[in-house]
C-alpha atoms as a PDB file:
ATOM      1  CA  MET A   1       0.000   0.000   0.000  1.00  0.00           C
ATOM      2  CA  TYR A   2       1.387   3.423  -0.951  1.00  0.00           C
ATOM      3  CA  THR A   3       1.418   6.355   1.464  1.00  0.00           C
ATOM      4  CA  PRO A   4       0.850   9.899   0.121  1.00  0.00           C
ATOM      5  CA  ASP A   5       4.522  10.740   0.666  1.00  0.00           C
ATOM      6  CA  ASP A   6       5.873   7.537  -0.877  1.00  0.00           C
ATOM      7  CA  PRO A   7       8.419   8.693  -3.518  1.00  0.00           C
ATOM      8  CA  THR A   8       7.613   5.687  -5.745  1.00  0.00           C
ATOM      9  CA  ARG A   9       3.839   6.298  -5.753  1.00  0.00           C
ATOM     10  CA  TYR A  10       3.839   8.378  -8.948  1.00  0.00           C
ATOM     11  CA  GLN A  11       6.782   6.636 -10.588  1.00  0.00           C
ATOM     12  CA  GLU A  12       6.079   5.767 -14.232  1.00  0.00           C
ATOM     13  CA  VAL A  13       6.437   2.067 -14.954  1.00  0.00           C
ATOM     14  CA  LEU A  14       6.055  -0.165 -17.985  1.00  0.00           C
ATOM     15  CA  VAL A  15       3.311  -2.690 -17.247  1.00  0.00           C
ATOM     16  CA  SER A  16       2.879  -6.004 -19.007  1.00  0.00           C
ATOM     17  CA  PRO A  17       0.773  -7.774 -19.951  1.00  0.00           C
ATOM     18  CA  MET A  18      -1.196  -4.742 -21.083  1.00  0.00           C
ATOM     19  CA  TYR A  19      -4.590  -6.312 -20.421  1.00  0.00           C
ATOM     20  CA  LEU A  20      -3.820  -6.419 -16.687  1.00  0.00           C
ATOM     21  CA  ALA A  21      -2.561  -2.828 -16.499  1.00  0.00           C
ATOM     22  CA  GLY A  22      -5.986  -1.372 -15.727  1.00  0.00           C
ATOM     23  CA  SER A  23      -7.000   2.193 -16.474  1.00  0.00           C
ATOM     24  CA  ASN A  24      -4.737   5.198 -15.972  1.00  0.00           C
ATOM     25  CA  GLY A  25      -7.747   7.297 -14.964  1.00  0.00           C
ATOM     26  CA  THR A  26      -8.209   9.147 -18.244  1.00  0.00           C
ATOM     27  CA  GLY A  27      -9.742   8.234 -21.574  1.00  0.00           C
ATOM     28  CA  GLU A  28      -7.030   9.895 -23.634  1.00  0.00           C
ATOM     29  CA  ALA A  29      -5.728   6.785 -25.395  1.00  0.00           C
ATOM     30  CA  GLY A  30      -9.242   5.757 -26.438  1.00  0.00           C
ATOM     31  CA  PHE A  31     -10.144   9.271 -27.583  1.00  0.00           C
ATOM     32  CA  ALA A  32      -6.881   9.944 -29.432  1.00  0.00           C
ATOM     33  CA  PRO A  33      -7.976   8.359 -32.766  1.00  0.00           C
ATOM     34  CA  VAL A  34     -11.147  10.509 -32.799  1.00  0.00           C
ATOM     35  CA  ALA A  35      -9.549  13.767 -31.623  1.00  0.00           C
ATOM     36  CA  HIS A  36     -10.650  15.473 -34.862  1.00  0.00           C
ATOM     37  CA  TRP A  37     -14.321  14.491 -34.436  1.00  0.00           C
ATOM     38  CA  PRO A  38     -16.972  16.743 -32.825  1.00  0.00           C
ATOM     39  CA  TYR A  39     -17.476  16.367 -29.102  1.00  0.00           C
ATOM     40  CA  GLN A  40     -19.688  17.719 -26.367  1.00  0.00           C
ATOM     41  CA  TYR A  41     -19.383  17.806 -22.571  1.00  0.00           C
ATOM     42  CA  LEU A  42     -22.761  16.992 -21.052  1.00  0.00           C
ATOM     43  CA  ASP A  43     -24.082  18.524 -17.851  1.00  0.00           C
ATOM     44  CA  GLU A  44     -27.120  16.279 -17.446  1.00  0.00           C
ATOM     45  CA  GLY A  45     -27.400  12.504 -17.360  1.00  0.00           C
ATOM     46  CA  PRO A  46     -24.794   9.825 -16.725  1.00  0.00           C
ATOM     47  CA  CYS A  47     -22.819  10.416 -19.948  1.00  0.00           C
ATOM     48  CA  GLN A  48     -20.225  13.122 -19.304  1.00  0.00           C
ATOM     49  CA  LEU A  49     -18.551  13.320 -22.703  1.00  0.00           C
ATOM     50  CA  LEU A  50     -19.936  12.419 -26.111  1.00  0.00           C
ATOM     51  CA  VAL A  51     -17.820  12.173 -29.251  1.00  0.00           C
ATOM     52  CA  THR A  52     -19.510  11.482 -32.584  1.00  0.00           C
ATOM     53  CA  SER A  53     -18.581  11.054 -36.192  1.00  0.00           C
ATOM     54  CA  PRO A  54     -19.315  14.215 -38.223  1.00  0.00           C
ATOM     55  CA  ASP A  55     -22.673  12.770 -39.311  1.00  0.00           C
ATOM     56  CA  GLN A  56     -23.372  11.495 -35.761  1.00  0.00           C
ATOM     57  CA  ARG A  57     -23.841   7.888 -36.848  1.00  0.00           C
ATOM     58  CA  ILE A  58     -20.991   6.701 -34.614  1.00  0.00           C
ATOM     59  CA  ARG A  59     -21.280   7.664 -30.953  1.00  0.00           C
ATOM     60  CA  ILE A  60     -18.608   7.319 -28.284  1.00  0.00           C
ATOM     61  CA  GLY A  61     -19.828   8.024 -24.760  1.00  0.00           C
ATOM     62  CA  TRP A  62     -17.675   8.429 -21.646  1.00  0.00           C
ATOM     63  CA  PHE A  63     -19.533   7.651 -18.400  1.00  0.00           C
ATOM     64  CA  GLY A  64     -16.867   8.818 -15.992  1.00  0.00           C
ATOM     65  CA  ASP A  65     -18.672   7.892 -12.770  1.00  0.00           C
ATOM     66  CA  ASP A  66     -20.057   4.505 -13.755  1.00  0.00           C
ATOM     67  CA  PHE A  67     -18.907   0.890 -13.804  1.00  0.00           C
ATOM     68  CA  GLU A  68     -19.535   0.789 -17.553  1.00  0.00           C
ATOM     69  CA  LEU A  69     -17.136   3.572 -18.465  1.00  0.00           C
ATOM     70  CA  TRP A  70     -17.394   3.534 -22.265  1.00  0.00           C
ATOM     71  CA  LYS A  71     -20.388   2.927 -24.533  1.00  0.00           C
ATOM     72  CA  ILE A  72     -19.688   2.948 -28.267  1.00  0.00           C
ATOM     73  CA  SER A  73     -22.361   2.404 -30.884  1.00  0.00           C
ATOM     74  CA  ALA A  74     -23.308   2.914 -34.528  1.00  0.00           C
ATOM     75  CA  ALA A  75     -26.683   3.727 -36.051  1.00  0.00           C
ATOM     76  CA  GLU A  76     -28.095   4.174 -39.543  1.00  0.00           C
ATOM     77  CA  ASP A  77     -28.451   7.912 -38.949  1.00  0.00           C
ATOM     78  CA  ALA A  78     -28.261  10.435 -36.141  1.00  0.00           C
ATOM     79  CA  PHE A  79     -31.826   9.729 -34.995  1.00  0.00           C
ATOM     80  CA  SER A  80     -31.908   5.921 -35.167  1.00  0.00           C
ATOM     81  CA  ALA A  81     -31.449   3.421 -32.367  1.00  0.00           C
ATOM     82  CA  PRO A  82     -27.991   1.797 -32.231  1.00  0.00           C
ATOM     83  CA  ARG A  83     -27.480  -1.175 -34.475  1.00  0.00           C
ATOM     84  CA  TRP A  84     -24.768  -2.486 -32.154  1.00  0.00           C
ATOM     85  CA  THR A  85     -23.121  -1.436 -28.909  1.00  0.00           C
ATOM     86  CA  ALA A  86     -19.695  -2.069 -27.387  1.00  0.00           C
ATOM     87  CA  THR A  87     -19.214  -1.458 -23.665  1.00  0.00           C
ATOM     88  CA  PHE A  88     -15.948  -1.217 -21.714  1.00  0.00           C
ATOM     89  CA  ASN A  89     -15.811  -1.162 -17.924  1.00  0.00           C
ATOM     90  CA  HIS A  90     -13.715   1.076 -15.690  1.00  0.00           C
ATOM     91  CA  VAL A  91     -10.818  -1.411 -15.388  1.00  0.00           C
ATOM     92  CA  THR A  92     -10.329  -1.872 -19.138  1.00  0.00           C
ATOM     93  CA  PRO A  93      -7.146  -0.203 -20.433  1.00  0.00           C
ATOM     94  CA  ALA A  94      -8.015   2.693 -22.743  1.00  0.00           C
ATOM     95  CA  GLU A  95      -5.424   1.311 -25.167  1.00  0.00           C
ATOM     96  CA  MET A  96      -7.876  -1.524 -25.864  1.00  0.00           C
ATOM     97  CA  VAL A  97     -10.634   0.984 -26.549  1.00  0.00           C
ATOM     98  CA  ALA A  98      -8.286   2.693 -29.006  1.00  0.00           C
ATOM     99  CA  GLY A  99      -8.157  -0.527 -31.018  1.00  0.00           C
ATOM    100  CA  LEU A 100     -11.884  -0.072 -31.661  1.00  0.00           C
ATOM    101  CA  THR A 101     -11.988   3.699 -32.099  1.00  0.00           C
ATOM    102  CA  ALA A 102      -9.043   3.716 -34.524  1.00  0.00           C
ATOM    103  CA  THR A 103     -10.771   1.100 -36.686  1.00  0.00           C
ATOM    104  CA  LEU A 104     -14.025   3.058 -36.612  1.00  0.00           C
ATOM    105  CA  VAL A 105     -12.232   6.156 -37.898  1.00  0.00           C
ATOM    106  CA  GLN A 106     -10.736   4.141 -40.749  1.00  0.00           C
ATOM    107  CA  ASP A 107     -14.131   2.616 -41.565  1.00  0.00           C
ATOM    108  CA  TYR A 108     -15.801   6.015 -41.505  1.00  0.00           C
ATOM    109  CA  ASP A 109     -13.235   7.633 -43.790  1.00  0.00           C
ATOM    110  CA  GLU A 110     -13.596   4.763 -46.259  1.00  0.00           C
ATOM    111  CA  ALA A 111     -17.391   5.068 -46.168  1.00  0.00           C
ATOM    112  CA  ILE A 112     -17.262   8.788 -46.946  1.00  0.00           C
ATOM    113  CA  ALA A 113     -14.809   8.247 -49.772  1.00  0.00           C
ATOM    114  CA  SER A 114     -16.904   5.472 -51.332  1.00  0.00           C
ATOM    115  CA  ASP A 115     -20.328   6.965 -50.482  1.00  0.00           C
ATOM    116  CA  THR A 116     -21.452   3.753 -48.727  1.00  0.00           C
ATOM    117  CA  LEU A 117     -22.866   2.923 -45.299  1.00  0.00           C
ATOM    118  CA  GLY A 118     -19.452   1.715 -44.179  1.00  0.00           C
ATOM    119  CA  ARG A 119     -17.989  -1.486 -42.750  1.00  0.00           C
ATOM    120  CA  PHE A 120     -18.969  -0.385 -39.246  1.00  0.00           C
ATOM    121  CA  PHE A 121     -22.573  -1.031 -40.279  1.00  0.00           C
ATOM    122  CA  THR A 122     -22.154  -4.421 -41.945  1.00  0.00           C
ATOM    123  CA  GLY A 123     -22.820  -6.741 -39.001  1.00  0.00           C
ATOM    124  CA  PRO A 124     -20.982 -10.007 -38.267  1.00  0.00           C
ATOM    125  CA  THR A 125     -19.306 -11.334 -41.393  1.00  0.00           C
ATOM    126  CA  ALA A 126     -16.599 -13.733 -40.165  1.00  0.00           C
ATOM    127  CA  PRO A 127     -16.692 -17.104 -38.380  1.00  0.00           C
ATOM    128  CA  TRP A 128     -15.541 -17.040 -34.783  1.00  0.00           C
ATOM    129  CA  ARG A 129     -12.196 -18.648 -35.610  1.00  0.00           C
ATOM    130  CA  ASP A 130     -11.311 -15.693 -37.833  1.00  0.00           C
ATOM    131  CA  THR A 131     -12.584 -13.225 -35.262  1.00  0.00           C
ATOM    132  CA  VAL A 132     -10.183 -14.519 -32.591  1.00  0.00           C
ATOM    133  CA  ARG A 133      -7.256 -15.219 -34.907  1.00  0.00           C
ATOM    134  CA  PRO A 134      -5.028 -12.431 -33.468  1.00  0.00           C
ATOM    135  CA  LEU A 135      -5.309 -14.169 -30.100  1.00  0.00           C
ATOM    136  CA  THR A 136      -4.748 -17.722 -31.286  1.00  0.00           C
ATOM    137  CA  ASP A 137      -1.785 -16.488 -33.333  1.00  0.00           C
ATOM    138  CA  ALA A 138      -0.429 -15.016 -30.077  1.00  0.00           C
ATOM    139  CA  GLY A 139      -0.635 -18.397 -28.350  1.00  0.00           C
ATOM    140  CA  TRP A 140      -4.071 -18.196 -26.707  1.00  0.00           C
ATOM    141  CA  ASN A 141      -5.816 -21.559 -26.497  1.00  0.00           C
ATOM    142  CA  LEU A 142      -9.330 -22.965 -26.787  1.00  0.00           C
ATOM    143  CA  ASP A 143     -10.912 -23.777 -23.428  1.00  0.00           C
ATOM    144  CA  GLU A 144     -12.287 -27.295 -23.778  1.00  0.00           C
ATOM    145  CA  ALA A 145     -14.370 -26.837 -20.605  1.00  0.00           C
ATOM    146  CA  ALA A 146     -16.451 -23.950 -21.974  1.00  0.00           C
ATOM    147  CA  GLU A 147     -20.223 -24.260 -21.624  1.00  0.00           C
ATOM    148  CA  HIS A 148     -22.170 -25.851 -24.463  1.00  0.00           C
ATOM    149  CA  GLY A 149     -22.996 -23.252 -27.105  1.00  0.00           C
ATOM    150  CA  THR A 150     -20.079 -21.040 -26.152  1.00  0.00           C
ATOM    151  CA  VAL A 151     -16.465 -20.724 -27.258  1.00  0.00           C
ATOM    152  CA  GLU A 152     -13.750 -19.396 -24.975  1.00  0.00           C
ATOM    153  CA  ILE A 153     -10.133 -18.648 -25.858  1.00  0.00           C
ATOM    154  CA  ILE A 154      -7.783 -18.271 -22.867  1.00  0.00           C
ATOM    155  CA  ALA A 155      -4.456 -16.458 -22.564  1.00  0.00           C
ATOM    156  CA  PRO A 156      -1.371 -18.549 -21.714  1.00  0.00           C
ATOM    157  CA  ASP A 157      -1.315 -17.074 -18.172  1.00  0.00           C
ATOM    158  CA  ASP A 158      -5.016 -17.952 -17.643  1.00  0.00           C
ATOM    159  CA  GLN A 159      -5.648 -14.317 -16.665  1.00  0.00           C
ATOM    160  CA  ALA A 160      -7.560 -13.192 -19.784  1.00  0.00           C
ATOM    161  CA  GLY A 161      -9.897 -14.556 -22.382  1.00  0.00           C
ATOM    162  CA  ILE A 162     -12.573 -13.979 -24.994  1.00  0.00           C
ATOM    163  CA  LEU A 163     -15.969 -15.630 -24.559  1.00  0.00           C
ATOM    164  CA  ILE A 164     -18.271 -16.027 -27.562  1.00  0.00           C
ATOM    165  CA  ASP A 165     -21.870 -16.978 -26.795  1.00  0.00           C
ATOM    166  CA  ARG A 166     -23.562 -18.555 -29.819  1.00  0.00           C
ATOM    167  CA  ARG A 167     -26.836 -19.329 -28.024  1.00  0.00           C
ATOM    168  CA  GLY A 168     -29.833 -17.276 -29.130  1.00  0.00           C
ATOM    169  CA  TYR A 169     -30.122 -14.536 -31.730  1.00  0.00           C
ATOM    170  CA  GLY A 170     -31.424 -11.414 -29.988  1.00  0.00           C
ATOM    171  CA  SER A 171     -29.990  -8.367 -31.755  1.00  0.00           C
ATOM    172  CA  ASP A 172     -29.254  -6.548 -28.480  1.00  0.00           C
ATOM    173  CA  ARG A 173     -27.893  -9.575 -26.651  1.00  0.00           C
ATOM    174  CA  ARG A 174     -24.251  -9.399 -25.580  1.00  0.00           C
ATOM    175  CA  THR A 175     -22.614 -12.226 -27.458  1.00  0.00           C
ATOM    176  CA  VAL A 176     -18.886 -11.501 -27.139  1.00  0.00           C
ATOM    177  CA  GLU A 177     -16.968 -10.649 -23.984  1.00  0.00           C
ATOM    178  CA  LEU A 178     -13.284  -9.865 -23.622  1.00  0.00           C
ATOM    179  CA  TRP A 179     -12.152 -10.187 -19.999  1.00  0.00           C
ATOM    180  CA  ALA A 180      -8.916  -9.893 -18.057  1.00  0.00           C
ATOM    181  CA  GLY A 181      -7.979 -10.243 -14.409  1.00  0.00           C
ATOM    182  CA  PRO A 182      -9.533 -12.036 -11.439  1.00  0.00           C
ATOM    183  CA  PRO A 183     -13.133 -11.251 -10.433  1.00  0.00           C
ATOM    184  CA  GLY A 184     -13.531  -8.024  -8.476  1.00  0.00           C
ATOM    185  CA  TRP A 185     -14.523  -4.369  -8.764  1.00  0.00           C
ATOM    186  CA  GLY A 186     -10.982  -3.098  -9.315  1.00  0.00           C
ATOM    187  CA  THR A 187      -9.419  -6.183 -10.889  1.00  0.00           C
ATOM    188  CA  ARG A 188     -11.663  -7.487 -13.700  1.00  0.00           C
ATOM    189  CA  ALA A 189     -11.544  -5.718 -17.060  1.00  0.00           C
ATOM    190  CA  GLU A 190     -14.556  -6.412 -19.286  1.00  0.00           C
ATOM    191  CA  ALA A 191     -15.440  -5.422 -22.831  1.00  0.00           C
ATOM    192  CA  THR A 192     -18.726  -6.653 -24.314  1.00  0.00           C
ATOM    193  CA  PHE A 193     -20.205  -6.506 -27.809  1.00  0.00           C
ATOM    194  CA  THR A 194     -23.821  -7.006 -28.861  1.00  0.00           C
ATOM    195  CA  ALA A 195     -24.886  -9.529 -31.470  1.00  0.00           C
ATOM    196  CA  ARG A 196     -24.777  -7.318 -34.581  1.00  0.00           C
ATOM    197  CA  THR A 197     -21.303  -5.869 -33.951  1.00  0.00           C
ATOM    198  CA  PRO A 198     -19.179  -6.209 -37.129  1.00  0.00           C
ATOM    199  CA  SER A 199     -16.667  -9.007 -36.720  1.00  0.00           C
ATOM    200  CA  HIS A 200     -13.655  -6.938 -37.755  1.00  0.00           C
ATOM    201  CA  LEU A 201     -14.281  -4.450 -34.927  1.00  0.00           C
ATOM    202  CA  ILE A 202     -14.106  -7.234 -32.344  1.00  0.00           C
ATOM    203  CA  THR A 203     -10.990  -8.558 -34.054  1.00  0.00           C
ATOM    204  CA  ALA A 204      -9.345  -5.126 -33.931  1.00  0.00           C
ATOM    205  CA  THR A 205     -10.014  -4.839 -30.207  1.00  0.00           C
ATOM    206  CA  ALA A 206      -8.789  -8.360 -29.529  1.00  0.00           C
ATOM    207  CA  ALA A 207      -5.647  -7.724 -31.579  1.00  0.00           C
ATOM    208  CA  VAL A 208      -4.614  -4.904 -29.250  1.00  0.00           C
ATOM    209  CA  MET A 209      -5.403  -7.047 -26.225  1.00  0.00           C
ATOM    210  CA  GLY A 210      -3.162  -9.817 -27.512  1.00  0.00           C
ATOM    211  CA  LYS A 211      -0.108  -7.637 -28.042  1.00  0.00           C
ATOM    212  CA  SER A 212       2.878  -8.125 -25.760  1.00  0.00           C
ATOM    213  CA  THR A 213       3.831  -4.431 -25.838  1.00  0.00           C
ATOM    214  CA  PRO A 214       3.856  -2.882 -22.343  1.00  0.00           C
ATOM    215  CA  VAL A 215       1.962   0.291 -21.476  1.00  0.00           C
ATOM    216  CA  VAL A 216       2.899   3.157 -19.182  1.00  0.00           C
ATOM    217  CA  ARG A 217       1.207   3.639 -15.829  1.00  0.00           C
ATOM    218  CA  GLU A 218       2.051   5.421 -12.621  1.00  0.00           C
ATOM    219  CA  ARG A 219       2.852   2.769 -10.037  1.00  0.00           C
ATOM    220  CA  HIS A 220      -0.159   3.586  -7.828  1.00  0.00           C
ATOM    221  CA  GLN A 221      -2.526   3.117 -10.789  1.00  0.00           C
ATOM    222  CA  VAL A 222      -1.867  -0.636 -10.819  1.00  0.00           C
ATOM    223  CA  ASP A 223      -4.214  -2.203  -8.294  1.00  0.00           C
ATOM    224  CA  ARG A 224      -2.189  -3.726  -5.468  1.00  0.00           C
ATOM    225  CA  ARG A 225      -4.110  -7.001  -5.921  1.00  0.00           C
ATOM    226  CA  MET A 226      -2.802  -7.183  -9.494  1.00  0.00           C
ATOM    227  CA  GLN A 227       0.835  -6.401  -8.887  1.00  0.00           C
ATOM    228  CA  HIS A 228       1.894 -10.026  -8.451  1.00  0.00           C
ATOM    229  CA  LEU A 229       0.370 -10.824 -11.870  1.00  0.00           C
ATOM    230  CA  VAL A 230       2.196  -8.159 -13.875  1.00  0.00           C
ATOM    231  CA  THR A 231       5.731  -7.061 -14.614  1.00  0.00           C
ATOM    232  CA  MET A 232       6.486  -3.445 -13.737  1.00  0.00           C
ATOM    233  CA  THR A 233       9.696  -1.858 -14.969  1.00  0.00           C
ATOM    234  CA  PRO A 234      10.538   1.769 -14.136  1.00  0.00           C
ATOM    235  CA  VAL A 235      10.443   3.837 -17.308  1.00  0.00           C
ATOM    236  CA  ALA A 236      13.705   5.539 -16.345  1.00  0.00           C
ATOM    237  CA  SER A 237      15.529   2.193 -16.423  1.00  0.00           C
ATOM    238  CA  ALA A 238      14.116   1.070 -19.778  1.00  0.00           C
ATOM    239  CA  THR A 239      16.562   0.690 -22.648  1.00  0.00           C
ATOM    240  CA  PRO A 240      16.207   2.933 -25.720  1.00  0.00           C
ATOM    241  CA  ILE A 241      15.000  -0.093 -27.712  1.00  0.00           C
ATOM    242  CA  ALA A 242      12.326  -0.892 -25.135  1.00  0.00           C
ATOM    243  CA  GLU A 243      11.190   2.735 -25.064  1.00  0.00           C
ATOM    244  CA  ALA A 244      10.782   2.708 -28.834  1.00  0.00           C
ATOM    245  CA  GLN A 245       8.444  -0.287 -28.537  1.00  0.00           C
ATOM    246  CA  ILE A 246       6.222   1.198 -25.821  1.00  0.00           C
ATOM    247  CA  SER A 247       2.590   1.796 -26.746  1.00  0.00           C
ATOM    248  CA  ARG A 248       1.969   5.004 -24.780  1.00  0.00           C
ATOM    249  CA  ALA A 249      -1.202   6.954 -24.276  1.00  0.00           C
ATOM    250  CA  PRO A 250      -0.872  10.723 -24.886  1.00  0.00           C
ATOM    251  CA  THR A 251       0.683  12.343 -21.809  1.00  0.00           C
ATOM    252  CA  PRO A 252      -1.678  14.818 -20.064  1.00  0.00           C
ATOM    253  CA  LEU A 253      -0.416  18.233 -18.988  1.00  0.00           C
ATOM    254  CA  ASP A 254       0.954  18.266 -15.463  1.00  0.00           C
ATOM    255  CA  VAL A 255      -1.973  20.262 -14.123  1.00  0.00           C
ATOM    256  CA  ARG A 256      -4.451  17.909 -15.734  1.00  0.00           C
ATOM    257  CA  ARG A 257      -2.610  14.861 -14.405  1.00  0.00           C
ATOM    258  CA  THR A 258      -2.759  16.273 -10.880  1.00  0.00           C
ATOM    259  CA  ALA A 259      -6.517  16.792 -11.182  1.00  0.00           C
ATOM    260  CA  VAL A 260      -7.012  13.267 -12.547  1.00  0.00           C
ATOM    261  CA  THR A 261      -4.955  11.674  -9.797  1.00  0.00           C
ATOM    262  CA  GLN A 262      -6.903  13.494  -7.101  1.00  0.00           C
ATOM    263  CA  ALA A 263     -10.228  12.489  -8.662  1.00  0.00           C
ATOM    264  CA  VAL A 264      -9.339   8.824  -9.088  1.00  0.00           C
ATOM    265  CA  HIS A 265      -8.182   8.475  -5.523  1.00  0.00           C
ATOM    266  CA  ARG A 266     -10.920  10.462  -3.850  1.00  0.00           C
ATOM    267  CA  PRO A 267     -12.101   8.412  -0.848  1.00  0.00           C
ATOM    268  CA  ALA A 268     -15.353   6.548  -1.387  1.00  0.00           C
ATOM    269  CA  ARG A 269     -17.154   3.796   0.415  1.00  0.00           C
ATOM    270  CA  ALA A 270     -17.232   0.417  -1.290  1.00  0.00           C
ATOM    271  CA  PRO A 271     -20.522  -0.029  -3.181  1.00  0.00           C
ATOM    272  CA  ARG A 272     -22.716  -2.973  -2.372  1.00  0.00           C
ATOM    273  CA  THR A 273     -25.556  -2.768  -4.872  1.00  0.00           C
ATOM    274  CA  ALA A 274     -26.308  -1.325  -8.284  1.00  0.00           C
ATOM    275  CA  ALA A 275     -28.421   1.325  -6.552  1.00  0.00           C
ATOM    276  CA  ASP A 276     -25.409   2.281  -4.445  1.00  0.00           C
ATOM    277  CA  LEU A 277     -23.360   2.757  -7.589  1.00  0.00           C
ATOM    278  CA  ARG A 278     -25.910   5.072  -9.118  1.00  0.00           C
ATOM    279  CA  VAL A 279     -26.226   7.151  -5.935  1.00  0.00           C
ATOM    280  CA  MET A 280     -22.447   7.464  -5.744  1.00  0.00           C
ATOM    281  CA  ALA A 281     -22.299   8.468  -9.374  1.00  0.00           C
ATOM    282  CA  GLU A 282     -24.891  11.197  -8.923  1.00  0.00           C
ATOM    283  CA  GLN A 283     -23.217  12.504  -5.765  1.00  0.00           C
ATOM    284  CA  SER A 284     -19.755  12.652  -7.285  1.00  0.00           C
ATOM    285  CA  ARG A 285     -20.655  14.021 -10.707  1.00  0.00           C
ATOM    286  CA  SER A 286     -19.095  17.399 -11.299  1.00  0.00           C
ATOM    287  CA  THR A 287     -21.362  20.320 -12.186  1.00  0.00           C
ATOM    288  CA  GLY A 288     -20.236  22.653 -14.920  1.00  0.00           C
ATOM    289  CA  ALA A 289     -21.707  24.466 -17.837  1.00  0.00           C
ATOM    290  CA  ALA A 290     -22.248  22.251 -20.861  1.00  0.00           C
ATOM    291  CA  GLN A 291     -19.946  23.196 -23.692  1.00  0.00           C
ATOM    292  CA  LYS A 292     -21.000  23.689 -27.284  1.00  0.00           C
ATOM    293  CA  TRP A 293     -20.087  21.300 -30.064  1.00  0.00           C
ATOM    294  CA  THR A 294     -16.603  21.799 -31.450  1.00  0.00           C
ATOM    295  CA  ALA A 295     -14.614  20.104 -34.184  1.00  0.00           C
ATOM    296  CA  HIS A 296     -11.273  20.292 -32.395  1.00  0.00           C
ATOM    297  CA  PRO A 297     -11.455  18.096 -29.282  1.00  0.00           C
ATOM    298  CA  ALA A 298      -8.618  16.908 -27.134  1.00  0.00           C
ATOM    299  CA  PRO A 299     -10.717  15.264 -24.437  1.00  0.00           C
ATOM    300  CA  ALA A 300      -9.113  14.038 -21.269  1.00  0.00           C
ATOM    301  CA  THR A 301     -11.467  13.231 -18.429  1.00  0.00           C
ATOM    302  CA  SER A 302     -11.121  11.451 -15.127  1.00  0.00           C
ATOM    303  CA  ALA A 303     -12.989   8.418 -13.828  1.00  0.00           C
ATOM    304  CA  ARG A 304     -13.914   8.874 -10.210  1.00  0.00           C
ATOM    305  CA  LEU A 305     -14.167   5.263  -9.187  1.00  0.00           C
ATOM    306  CA  PRO A 306     -14.136   3.346  -5.925  1.00  0.00           C
ATOM    307  CA  ALA A 307     -11.005   1.335  -5.327  1.00  0.00           C
ATOM    308  CA  SER A 308     -12.597  -1.999  -4.537  1.00  0.00           C
ATOM    309  CA  SER A 309     -15.790  -3.959  -4.147  1.00  0.00           C
ATOM    310  CA  PRO A 310     -16.639  -7.420  -2.896  1.00  0.00           C
ATOM    311  CA  THR A 311     -19.077  -7.978  -5.784  1.00  0.00           C
ATOM    312  CA  PRO A 312     -17.531  -9.645  -8.888  1.00  0.00           C
ATOM    313  CA  ARG A 313     -19.139  -9.352 -12.307  1.00  0.00           C
ATOM    314  CA  ARG A 314     -18.043 -12.692 -13.704  1.00  0.00           C
ATOM    315  CA  GLY A 315     -15.825 -15.463 -12.434  1.00  0.00           C
ATOM    316  CA  ARG A 316     -13.882 -18.355 -13.849  1.00  0.00           C
END
């Protein structure tokens, strides 16, 4: 446990595997690919920041006070219900989210150039073996004990996996889940995709998850319950070659980093129920004037999240 005056508390370290690194408290890495898209800070409701494609068909919401931190969706037009939705919880590294947002930007640009709906609106097009190929190519293995009607691919360290549920056909049903870490509020990363999510978007997200490249975190940002599962190397001691291979999120300004750190570590009681979570979210939500739409965002927001909870979402 780190004390406020511990000199190593804010030390930058390279964390691997990336999928166990957790969040650094900002969404900058996930927002970086869409920095040129319009965005709006919202004063009402649970969504605090909304980034959209120029035609508003793609929507990227940041729910900074909630368990489900990111909600990303695509619709036929700005007024239609989402065709598919991807959700990332508060433990998921934003670098994984960037795998999805970067692919959406590429899809959108191609759609505009070709005057088509775009690949992000095509729906599932690949068999599950092709969808998970980046993981199997990285040495992840099929779990023979998976429930009937499901497929699960597990990382070599048994600390991450992708679960594909092929039972039922409801369009809004969550059929794919990427997970990492042991069950627990601050330890289990989860990313879920509904049934009509295009296969290549899931593949792009999984591809980032399967990479061996470390990511940068401040030492205190790695949950103490996870530290025995990861390798942490001080950035200052990394070789020039290792530094060149680092997949880093954009570095926030010092003043912004200070604000983020204070927000993430604000004391909070451990939630016990979903109602508790919502009450906490409403109590901790900042109040500020809603900003107008702009085409030049550089969003960096903080997730004010409790440190731990006895209630796991899913266990293995």
